């Protein structure tokens, strides 16, 4: 693993099923970014309906990579990597943890113009864009009726410099 790796998964949740209907060219429905933090590998991601307590709001969170890929959440998964310098990985970690400290909520409006709330692919895209000036989507968006243009997993997976490190 390396800080900055991008992880993808597909699960059985209703949210995963909806995303798979919209993003038909991709087997993955959720993504996050890997950070080495507190002596362990963790994933920073934004996901609805995976709250620790029912009264909590959906938000950006960080959790151990094993929990991200737990079998009840991931029937398929992958780790992809860009070639990054050690300075790049430190910047991604610093900016990812700083963003987490702001306690941003999940972006149920799917508006990537709003940098106060995030959905999963938007979070990964935003961190790379803001930290390293890398547009992982090269401007690609999906157009879904009643929503603004949305970044989906396939939009990131099409980035030419991403290399698959592991998949299941």
Protein backbone atom coordinates (compact mmCIF):
# COMPACT_ATOMS: atom_id res chain seq x y z
CA UNK A 1 0.00 0.00 0.00
CA UNK A 2 0.97 3.61 -0.47
CA UNK A 3 -0.62 6.85 0.70
CA UNK A 4 -2.52 8.21 -2.27
CA UNK A 5 -3.58 4.80 -3.61
CA UNK A 6 -7.15 4.90 -4.83
CA UNK A 7 -9.38 2.03 -3.72
CA UNK A 8 -12.58 0.91 -5.40
CA UNK A 9 -15.29 -1.50 -4.33
CA UNK A 10 -18.71 -2.74 -5.34
CA UNK A 11 -21.16 -3.92 -2.74
CA UNK A 12 -24.70 -5.12 -2.36
CA UNK A 13 -26.22 -1.96 -0.83
CA UNK A 14 -29.11 -0.16 -2.48
CA UNK A 15 -26.75 2.75 -3.18
CA UNK A 16 -24.35 0.39 -4.98
CA UNK A 17 -27.16 -1.00 -7.08
CA UNK A 18 -28.29 2.49 -8.12
CA UNK A 19 -24.75 3.53 -9.09
CA UNK A 20 -24.25 0.33 -11.11
CA UNK A 21 -27.40 1.12 -13.11
CA UNK A 22 -26.05 4.59 -13.95
CA UNK A 23 -22.38 3.63 -14.45
CA UNK A 24 -22.88 0.57 -16.63
CA UNK A 25 -19.28 0.44 -17.90
CA UNK A 26 -17.80 -0.12 -14.44
CA UNK A 27 -18.01 -2.91 -11.86
CA UNK A 28 -17.11 -0.53 -9.02
CA UNK A 29 -19.58 1.75 -7.27
CA UNK A 30 -17.53 3.34 -4.48
CA UNK A 31 -14.06 4.79 -4.01
CA UNK A 32 -11.74 6.28 -1.43
CA UNK A 33 -8.13 7.30 -0.92
CA UNK A 34 -5.57 5.38 1.14
CA UNK A 35 -3.67 7.17 3.91
CA UNK A 36 -1.07 5.72 6.27
CA UNK A 37 -2.26 7.24 9.53
CA UNK A 38 -1.76 6.34 13.16
CA UNK A 39 0.47 3.39 12.24
CA UNK A 40 -2.09 1.71 10.01
CA UNK A 41 -3.52 1.81 6.52
CA UNK A 42 -6.82 3.64 6.37
CA UNK A 43 -9.28 4.79 3.74
CA UNK A 44 -10.68 8.31 3.61
CA UNK A 45 -14.05 8.23 1.89
CA UNK A 46 -17.56 9.67 1.79
CA UNK A 47 -20.39 7.17 1.94
CA UNK A 48 -24.08 7.30 2.88
CA UNK A 49 -25.67 4.91 5.35
CA UNK A 50 -22.49 3.57 6.98
CA UNK A 51 -22.75 5.61 10.15
CA UNK A 52 -21.43 4.40 13.50
CA UNK A 53 -24.68 5.56 15.13
CA UNK A 54 -28.09 6.11 13.55
CA UNK A 55 -28.26 9.66 14.86
CA UNK A 56 -24.99 10.59 13.10
CA UNK A 57 -25.11 12.36 9.76
CA UNK A 58 -23.56 10.86 6.64
CA UNK A 59 -20.11 12.38 6.27
CA UNK A 60 -16.54 11.98 5.13
CA UNK A 61 -14.85 9.41 7.34
CA UNK A 62 -11.65 7.47 7.77
CA UNK A 63 -11.55 3.78 8.63
CA UNK A 64 -9.17 0.82 8.47
CA UNK A 65 -8.75 -0.58 4.97
CA UNK A 66 -9.99 -3.98 6.18
CA UNK A 67 -13.30 -2.42 7.16
CA UNK A 68 -13.57 -0.64 3.81
CA UNK A 69 -13.12 -3.97 2.01
CA UNK A 70 -15.11 -6.07 4.52
CA UNK A 71 -17.02 -8.83 2.73
CA UNK A 72 -20.46 -7.38 3.53
CA UNK A 73 -19.40 -4.13 1.85
CA UNK A 74 -17.26 -5.33 -1.04
CA UNK A 75 -18.00 -8.17 -3.45
CA UNK A 76 -15.35 -6.73 -5.82
CA UNK A 77 -12.45 -4.44 -5.01
CA UNK A 78 -9.27 -2.93 -6.41
CA UNK A 79 -6.30 -0.78 -5.49
CA UNK A 80 -4.96 1.58 -8.15
CA UNK A 81 -1.93 3.82 -8.03
CA UNK A 82 -0.44 6.86 -9.67
CA UNK A 83 3.32 7.28 -9.63
CA UNK A 84 3.79 9.83 -6.83
CA UNK A 85 6.81 11.33 -5.12
CA UNK A 86 7.20 11.02 -1.35
CA UNK A 87 6.39 14.75 -1.13
CA UNK A 88 3.17 14.16 -3.09
CA UNK A 89 2.06 11.44 -0.67
CA UNK A 90 2.82 13.65 2.34
CA UNK A 91 0.78 16.48 0.84
CA UNK A 92 -2.16 14.16 0.09
CA UNK A 93 -2.08 12.84 3.66
CA UNK A 94 -1.85 16.32 5.18
CA UNK A 95 -4.65 17.72 3.03
CA UNK A 96 -6.85 14.65 3.46
CA UNK A 97 -6.56 14.78 7.25
CA UNK A 98 -7.09 18.57 7.25
CA UNK A 99 -10.26 18.09 5.20
CA UNK A 100 -11.44 15.40 7.63
CA UNK A 101 -10.98 17.83 10.54
CA UNK A 102 -13.60 20.09 8.94
CA UNK A 103 -16.15 17.25 9.35
CA UNK A 104 -17.65 17.63 5.87
CA UNK A 105 -20.99 15.98 5.28
CA UNK A 106 -21.91 13.60 2.47
CA UNK A 107 -22.94 15.52 -0.64
CA UNK A 108 -26.43 14.17 -1.35
CA UNK A 109 -26.88 16.87 -4.03
CA UNK A 110 -23.86 15.46 -5.96
CA UNK A 111 -22.58 18.96 -6.68
CA UNK A 112 -18.83 18.97 -7.35
CA UNK A 113 -18.83 22.79 -7.39
CA UNK A 114 -19.43 22.77 -3.61
CA UNK A 115 -16.21 22.10 -1.65
CA UNK A 116 -17.98 21.87 1.71
CA UNK A 117 -19.68 18.50 1.13
CA UNK A 118 -18.47 15.46 -0.81
CA UNK A 119 -19.62 12.25 -2.43
CA UNK A 120 -17.03 9.48 -2.83
CA UNK A 121 -15.63 10.11 -6.30
CA UNK A 122 -15.82 13.86 -5.81
CA UNK A 123 -13.68 13.55 -2.65
CA UNK A 124 -10.92 11.59 -4.41
CA UNK A 125 -11.02 13.91 -7.44
CA UNK A 126 -10.99 17.01 -5.18
CA UNK A 127 -7.99 15.89 -3.11
CA UNK A 128 -5.90 15.11 -6.18
CA UNK A 129 -6.99 18.31 -7.94
CA UNK A 130 -6.45 20.62 -4.97
CA UNK A 131 -3.27 18.97 -3.69
CA UNK A 132 -1.37 17.96 -6.83
CA UNK A 133 -3.25 19.78 -9.61
CA UNK A 134 -4.15 16.40 -11.15
CA UNK A 135 -7.62 16.12 -12.69
CA UNK A 136 -8.25 12.39 -12.39
CA UNK A 137 -11.31 12.72 -14.63
CA UNK A 138 -9.81 14.87 -17.37
CA UNK A 139 -13.15 16.69 -17.19
CA UNK A 140 -15.28 13.56 -17.69
CA UNK A 141 -18.73 13.63 -16.07
CA UNK A 142 -21.87 11.55 -16.34
CA UNK A 143 -25.13 13.31 -17.11
CA UNK A 144 -27.97 11.91 -15.06
CA UNK A 145 -31.46 13.44 -15.26
CA UNK A 146 -32.31 15.74 -12.34
CA UNK A 147 -28.68 15.94 -11.14
CA UNK A 148 -25.75 18.14 -12.00
CA UNK A 149 -22.96 16.42 -13.96
CA UNK A 150 -21.62 13.63 -11.70
CA UNK A 151 -18.20 12.03 -11.35
CA UNK A 152 -18.54 8.24 -11.29
CA UNK A 153 -15.94 5.54 -10.71
CA UNK A 154 -15.46 4.94 -14.44
CA UNK A 155 -14.56 8.61 -14.89
CA UNK A 156 -11.58 8.14 -12.57
CA UNK A 157 -10.68 4.64 -13.77
CA UNK A 158 -10.22 6.00 -17.30
CA UNK A 159 -7.32 8.18 -16.14
CA UNK A 160 -4.45 6.87 -18.28
CA UNK A 161 -1.68 6.91 -15.62
CA UNK A 162 -3.57 4.83 -13.05
CA UNK A 163 -2.11 1.35 -12.60
CA UNK A 164 -3.96 -1.52 -10.96
CA UNK A 165 -1.97 -2.93 -8.04
CA UNK A 166 -4.50 -5.46 -6.76
CA UNK A 167 -8.04 -6.59 -7.45
CA UNK A 168 -10.49 -9.25 -6.26
